[in-house]
Amino acid sequence: MTDNRMDPPYIADERTMLTTFLDWHRDTLAFKCEGLTEEQLRLRSVEPSGLSLLGLVRHMAHVERAWFRRVLKAEDVPLLWDKAAHQDADFDDVDTASVEEAFTVWREEVEIARRISAETSLDATGIRHGRDCSHRWILVHMIEEYARHNGHADLLRERIDGVTGE
């Protein structure tokens, strides 16, 4: 595995700091999945959890879409992975899910989110559960979301092949 992640700067303006930390975490999830087979990406963690790396990638595609497109830009785009019918479909329905599709959709949603973020003021707001939610808050939340799930990804990867690391 080759780690090509770029460390966020120690000193930067607010936007740069937030977006580079978010990109570092996005790259970390990709790094945790690198070099694995489809079967390994589907491998579940220890019961009762049903987490898998593929489920995490699908979930983060959903999260990117939900926060940047649906909340911040108020786009009327459908939920991914049939989440409207089954809330945990992104995590649960991985046994027959397409790995290629999951990674393609995730990368597409990341690129759309980057574009939206670049053209939107940090003070801009969207609506989440009837309340205003700032772009700044969304960026911080996305860093938190990736950080939490990257911890899961680290444990999953260690279980699969013993690889550990930041």
C-alpha atoms as a PDB file:
ATOM      1  CA  MET A   1       0.000   0.000   0.000  1.00  0.00           C
ATOM      2  CA  THR A   2       1.255   3.437  -0.888  1.00  0.00           C
ATOM      3  CA  ASP A   3       0.196   6.274   1.370  1.00  0.00           C
ATOM      4  CA  ASN A   4      -0.203   9.356  -0.839  1.00  0.00           C
ATOM      5  CA  ARG A   5      -2.249  11.353   1.641  1.00  0.00           C
ATOM      6  CA  MET A   6      -1.200  14.969   2.088  1.00  0.00           C
ATOM      7  CA  ASP A   7      -1.098  16.168   5.687  1.00  0.00           C
ATOM      8  CA  PRO A   8      -3.271  19.215   6.381  1.00  0.00           C
ATOM      9  CA  PRO A   9      -1.304  22.418   6.937  1.00  0.00           C
ATOM     10  CA  TYR A  10      -0.524  23.540  10.475  1.00  0.00           C
ATOM     11  CA  ILE A  11      -1.324  27.133   9.559  1.00  0.00           C
ATOM     12  CA  ALA A  12      -3.991  28.107   7.032  1.00  0.00           C
ATOM     13  CA  ASP A  13      -7.162  30.116   6.628  1.00  0.00           C
ATOM     14  CA  GLU A  14     -10.357  28.554   7.950  1.00  0.00           C
ATOM     15  CA  ARG A  15     -11.666  27.213   4.632  1.00  0.00           C
ATOM     16  CA  THR A  16      -8.344  25.638   3.715  1.00  0.00           C
ATOM     17  CA  MET A  17      -7.996  24.075   7.155  1.00  0.00           C
ATOM     18  CA  LEU A  18     -11.499  22.576   7.088  1.00  0.00           C
ATOM     19  CA  THR A  19     -11.401  21.309   3.518  1.00  0.00           C
ATOM     20  CA  THR A  20      -7.903  19.830   3.730  1.00  0.00           C
ATOM     21  CA  PHE A  21      -8.753  17.972   6.946  1.00  0.00           C
ATOM     22  CA  LEU A  22     -11.907  16.655   5.295  1.00  0.00           C
ATOM     23  CA  ASP A  23      -9.949  15.569   2.216  1.00  0.00           C
ATOM     24  CA  TRP A  24      -7.343  13.872   4.436  1.00  0.00           C
ATOM     25  CA  HIS A  25     -10.109  11.837   6.049  1.00  0.00           C
ATOM     26  CA  ARG A  26     -11.650  11.014   2.661  1.00  0.00           C
ATOM     27  CA  ASP A  27      -8.242   9.814   1.488  1.00  0.00           C
ATOM     28  CA  THR A  28      -7.851   7.796   4.686  1.00  0.00           C
ATOM     29  CA  LEU A  29     -10.993   5.795   3.974  1.00  0.00           C
ATOM     30  CA  ALA A  30      -9.737   5.064   0.457  1.00  0.00           C
ATOM     31  CA  PHE A  31      -6.342   4.084   1.888  1.00  0.00           C
ATOM     32  CA  LYS A  32      -7.947   1.662   4.356  1.00  0.00           C
ATOM     33  CA  CYS A  33      -9.700  -0.081   1.446  1.00  0.00           C
ATOM     34  CA  GLU A  34      -6.711  -0.165  -0.901  1.00  0.00           C
ATOM     35  CA  GLY A  35      -5.523  -3.520  -2.190  1.00  0.00           C
ATOM     36  CA  LEU A  36      -8.404  -5.595  -0.815  1.00  0.00           C
ATOM     37  CA  THR A  37     -10.537  -8.068  -2.715  1.00  0.00           C
ATOM     38  CA  GLU A  38     -14.294  -7.693  -3.060  1.00  0.00           C
ATOM     39  CA  GLU A  39     -14.744 -10.455  -0.498  1.00  0.00           C
ATOM     40  CA  GLN A  40     -12.461  -8.677   1.972  1.00  0.00           C
ATOM     41  CA  LEU A  41     -14.325  -5.381   1.486  1.00  0.00           C
ATOM     42  CA  ARG A  42     -17.588  -7.208   2.296  1.00  0.00           C
ATOM     43  CA  LEU A  43     -16.173  -8.941   5.395  1.00  0.00           C
ATOM     44  CA  ARG A  44     -18.233  -8.035   8.461  1.00  0.00           C
ATOM     45  CA  SER A  45     -16.815  -7.087  11.815  1.00  0.00           C
ATOM     46  CA  VAL A  46     -17.491  -9.024  14.992  1.00  0.00           C
ATOM     47  CA  GLU A  47     -21.145  -9.561  15.951  1.00  0.00           C
ATOM     48  CA  PRO A  48     -23.404  -7.918  16.809  1.00  0.00           C
ATOM     49  CA  SER A  49     -22.001  -5.256  14.491  1.00  0.00           C
ATOM     50  CA  GLY A  50     -22.484  -5.777  10.770  1.00  0.00           C
ATOM     51  CA  LEU A  51     -19.960  -3.153   9.686  1.00  0.00           C
ATOM     52  CA  SER A  52     -17.826  -3.750   6.620  1.00  0.00           C
ATOM     53  CA  LEU A  53     -15.472  -1.538   4.661  1.00  0.00           C
ATOM     54  CA  LEU A  54     -17.848  -1.699   1.704  1.00  0.00           C
ATOM     55  CA  GLY A  55     -20.694  -0.626   3.976  1.00  0.00           C
ATOM     56  CA  LEU A  56     -18.623   2.316   5.208  1.00  0.00           C
ATOM     57  CA  VAL A  57     -17.894   3.436   1.633  1.00  0.00           C
ATOM     58  CA  ARG A  58     -21.584   3.193   0.743  1.00  0.00           C
ATOM     59  CA  HIS A  59     -22.524   5.058   3.919  1.00  0.00           C
ATOM     60  CA  MET A  60     -20.073   7.868   3.251  1.00  0.00           C
ATOM     61  CA  ALA A  61     -21.387   8.251  -0.307  1.00  0.00           C
ATOM     62  CA  HIS A  62     -24.828   8.692   1.235  1.00  0.00           C
ATOM     63  CA  VAL A  63     -23.517  11.151   3.841  1.00  0.00           C
ATOM     64  CA  GLU A  64     -21.692  13.266   1.240  1.00  0.00           C
ATOM     65  CA  ARG A  65     -24.872  13.444  -0.857  1.00  0.00           C
ATOM     66  CA  ALA A  66     -27.153  14.141   2.081  1.00  0.00           C
ATOM     67  CA  TRP A  67     -25.175  16.962   3.659  1.00  0.00           C
ATOM     68  CA  PHE A  68     -23.853  18.827   0.639  1.00  0.00           C
ATOM     69  CA  ARG A  69     -26.562  18.274  -1.953  1.00  0.00           C
ATOM     70  CA  ARG A  70     -29.751  17.690   0.013  1.00  0.00           C
ATOM     71  CA  VAL A  71     -29.098  19.945   3.039  1.00  0.00           C
ATOM     72  CA  LEU A  72     -26.719  22.684   1.892  1.00  0.00           C
ATOM     73  CA  LYS A  73     -27.951  23.087  -1.688  1.00  0.00           C
ATOM     74  CA  ALA A  74     -31.533  21.830  -1.189  1.00  0.00           C
ATOM     75  CA  GLU A  75     -31.251  19.570  -4.241  1.00  0.00           C
ATOM     76  CA  ASP A  76     -34.065  17.113  -4.694  1.00  0.00           C
ATOM     77  CA  VAL A  77     -31.849  14.088  -5.252  1.00  0.00           C
ATOM     78  CA  PRO A  78     -32.926  10.637  -4.080  1.00  0.00           C
ATOM     79  CA  LEU A  79     -31.344   8.833  -1.183  1.00  0.00           C
ATOM     80  CA  LEU A  80     -28.769   6.239  -2.178  1.00  0.00           C
ATOM     81  CA  TRP A  81     -28.893   2.471  -1.665  1.00  0.00           C
ATOM     82  CA  ASP A  82     -32.659   2.305  -1.090  1.00  0.00           C
ATOM     83  CA  LYS A  83     -32.251   4.048   2.284  1.00  0.00           C
ATOM     84  CA  ALA A  84     -35.771   5.437   1.976  1.00  0.00           C
ATOM     85  CA  ALA A  85     -37.087   1.891   2.356  1.00  0.00           C
ATOM     86  CA  HIS A  86     -34.434   0.569   4.742  1.00  0.00           C
ATOM     87  CA  GLN A  87     -32.528   3.083   6.900  1.00  0.00           C
ATOM     88  CA  ASP A  88     -29.386   0.927   7.182  1.00  0.00           C
ATOM     89  CA  ALA A  89     -29.347  -0.372   3.609  1.00  0.00           C
ATOM     90  CA  ASP A  90     -25.937   1.231   2.996  1.00  0.00           C
ATOM     91  CA  PHE A  91     -24.437  -0.915   5.773  1.00  0.00           C
ATOM     92  CA  ASP A  92     -26.640  -3.997   5.611  1.00  0.00           C
ATOM     93  CA  ASP A  93     -27.096  -4.718   1.918  1.00  0.00           C
ATOM     94  CA  VAL A  94     -23.459  -5.354   0.954  1.00  0.00           C
ATOM     95  CA  ASP A  95     -23.459  -9.092   0.225  1.00  0.00           C
ATOM     96  CA  THR A  96     -24.495  -8.581  -3.396  1.00  0.00           C
ATOM     97  CA  ALA A  97     -23.715  -4.870  -3.751  1.00  0.00           C
ATOM     98  CA  SER A  98     -21.390  -3.826  -6.528  1.00  0.00           C
ATOM     99  CA  VAL A  99     -18.006  -2.786  -5.150  1.00  0.00           C
ATOM    100  CA  GLU A 100     -17.243  -0.872  -8.342  1.00  0.00           C
ATOM    101  CA  GLU A 101     -20.537   1.011  -8.151  1.00  0.00           C
ATOM    102  CA  ALA A 102     -20.049   1.864  -4.466  1.00  0.00           C
ATOM    103  CA  PHE A 103     -16.587   3.343  -5.008  1.00  0.00           C
ATOM    104  CA  THR A 104     -17.665   5.139  -8.196  1.00  0.00           C
ATOM    105  CA  VAL A 105     -20.689   6.718  -6.513  1.00  0.00           C
ATOM    106  CA  TRP A 106     -18.636   7.672  -3.438  1.00  0.00           C
ATOM    107  CA  ARG A 107     -15.952   9.342  -5.583  1.00  0.00           C
ATOM    108  CA  GLU A 108     -18.619  11.156  -7.622  1.00  0.00           C
ATOM    109  CA  GLU A 109     -20.370  12.425  -4.487  1.00  0.00           C
ATOM    110  CA  VAL A 110     -17.035  13.585  -3.039  1.00  0.00           C
ATOM    111  CA  GLU A 111     -16.282  15.547  -6.216  1.00  0.00           C
ATOM    112  CA  ILE A 112     -19.747  17.121  -6.217  1.00  0.00           C
ATOM    113  CA  ALA A 113     -19.360  18.005  -2.537  1.00  0.00           C
ATOM    114  CA  ARG A 114     -15.948  19.588  -3.197  1.00  0.00           C
ATOM    115  CA  ARG A 115     -17.424  21.686  -6.005  1.00  0.00           C
ATOM    116  CA  ILE A 116     -20.379  22.785  -3.877  1.00  0.00           C
ATOM    117  CA  SER A 117     -18.098  23.595  -0.972  1.00  0.00           C
ATOM    118  CA  ALA A 118     -15.685  25.607  -3.115  1.00  0.00           C
ATOM    119  CA  GLU A 119     -18.453  27.824  -4.476  1.00  0.00           C
ATOM    120  CA  THR A 120     -20.363  28.282  -1.204  1.00  0.00           C
ATOM    121  CA  SER A 121     -19.669  30.720   1.611  1.00  0.00           C
ATOM    122  CA  LEU A 122     -18.865  29.136   4.962  1.00  0.00           C
ATOM    123  CA  ASP A 123     -21.720  31.226   6.359  1.00  0.00           C
ATOM    124  CA  ALA A 124     -24.269  29.876   3.860  1.00  0.00           C
ATOM    125  CA  THR A 125     -26.991  27.762   5.414  1.00  0.00           C
ATOM    126  CA  GLY A 126     -29.172  24.858   4.500  1.00  0.00           C
ATOM    127  CA  ILE A 127     -32.075  23.320   6.376  1.00  0.00           C
ATOM    128  CA  ARG A 128     -31.723  20.148   8.458  1.00  0.00           C
ATOM    129  CA  HIS A 129     -34.735  18.944  10.452  1.00  0.00           C
ATOM    130  CA  GLY A 130     -36.344  22.378  10.143  1.00  0.00           C
ATOM    131  CA  ARG A 131     -33.313  24.258  11.491  1.00  0.00           C
ATOM    132  CA  ASP A 132     -30.651  26.356   9.795  1.00  0.00           C
ATOM    133  CA  CYS A 133     -27.347  24.559   9.410  1.00  0.00           C
ATOM    134  CA  SER A 134     -24.220  26.402   8.242  1.00  0.00           C
ATOM    135  CA  HIS A 135     -21.774  25.182   5.641  1.00  0.00           C
ATOM    136  CA  ARG A 136     -19.076  25.606   8.317  1.00  0.00           C
ATOM    137  CA  TRP A 137     -20.990  23.240  10.648  1.00  0.00           C
ATOM    138  CA  ILE A 138     -21.398  20.719   7.824  1.00  0.00           C
ATOM    139  CA  LEU A 139     -17.649  20.694   7.157  1.00  0.00           C
ATOM    140  CA  VAL A 140     -16.873  20.145  10.845  1.00  0.00           C
ATOM    141  CA  HIS A 141     -19.530  17.429  11.026  1.00  0.00           C
ATOM    142  CA  MET A 142     -18.134  15.702   7.937  1.00  0.00           C
ATOM    143  CA  ILE A 143     -14.652  15.659   9.482  1.00  0.00           C
ATOM    144  CA  GLU A 144     -16.171  14.116  12.622  1.00  0.00           C
ATOM    145  CA  GLU A 145     -18.176  11.599  10.583  1.00  0.00           C
ATOM    146  CA  TYR A 146     -15.139  10.444   8.623  1.00  0.00           C
ATOM    147  CA  ALA A 147     -12.923  10.389  11.728  1.00  0.00           C
ATOM    148  CA  ARG A 148     -15.371   8.123  13.562  1.00  0.00           C
ATOM    149  CA  HIS A 149     -15.828   5.790  10.633  1.00  0.00           C
ATOM    150  CA  ASN A 150     -12.109   5.762   9.829  1.00  0.00           C
ATOM    151  CA  GLY A 151     -11.610   4.374  13.322  1.00  0.00           C
ATOM    152  CA  HIS A 152     -14.025   1.605  12.382  1.00  0.00           C
ATOM    153  CA  ALA A 153     -12.175   1.146   9.079  1.00  0.00           C
ATOM    154  CA  ASP A 154      -8.862   0.808  10.904  1.00  0.00           C
ATOM    155  CA  LEU A 155     -10.230  -1.988  13.081  1.00  0.00           C
ATOM    156  CA  LEU A 156     -11.839  -3.722  10.106  1.00  0.00           C
ATOM    157  CA  ARG A 157      -8.623  -3.551   8.093  1.00  0.00           C
ATOM    158  CA  GLU A 158      -6.617  -4.937  11.001  1.00  0.00           C
ATOM    159  CA  ARG A 159      -9.070  -7.828  11.282  1.00  0.00           C
ATOM    160  CA  ILE A 160      -8.832  -8.559   7.549  1.00  0.00           C
ATOM    161  CA  ASP A 161      -5.069  -8.629   7.068  1.00  0.00           C
ATOM    162  CA  GLY A 162      -3.342  -7.184  10.119  1.00  0.00           C
ATOM    163  CA  VAL A 163      -2.581  -3.826   8.494  1.00  0.00           C
ATOM    164  CA  THR A 164      -2.728  -0.971  10.983  1.00  0.00           C
ATOM    165  CA  GLY A 165      -1.820   2.686  10.942  1.00  0.00           C
ATOM    166  CA  GLU A 166      -3.152   6.178  10.830  1.00  0.00           C
END
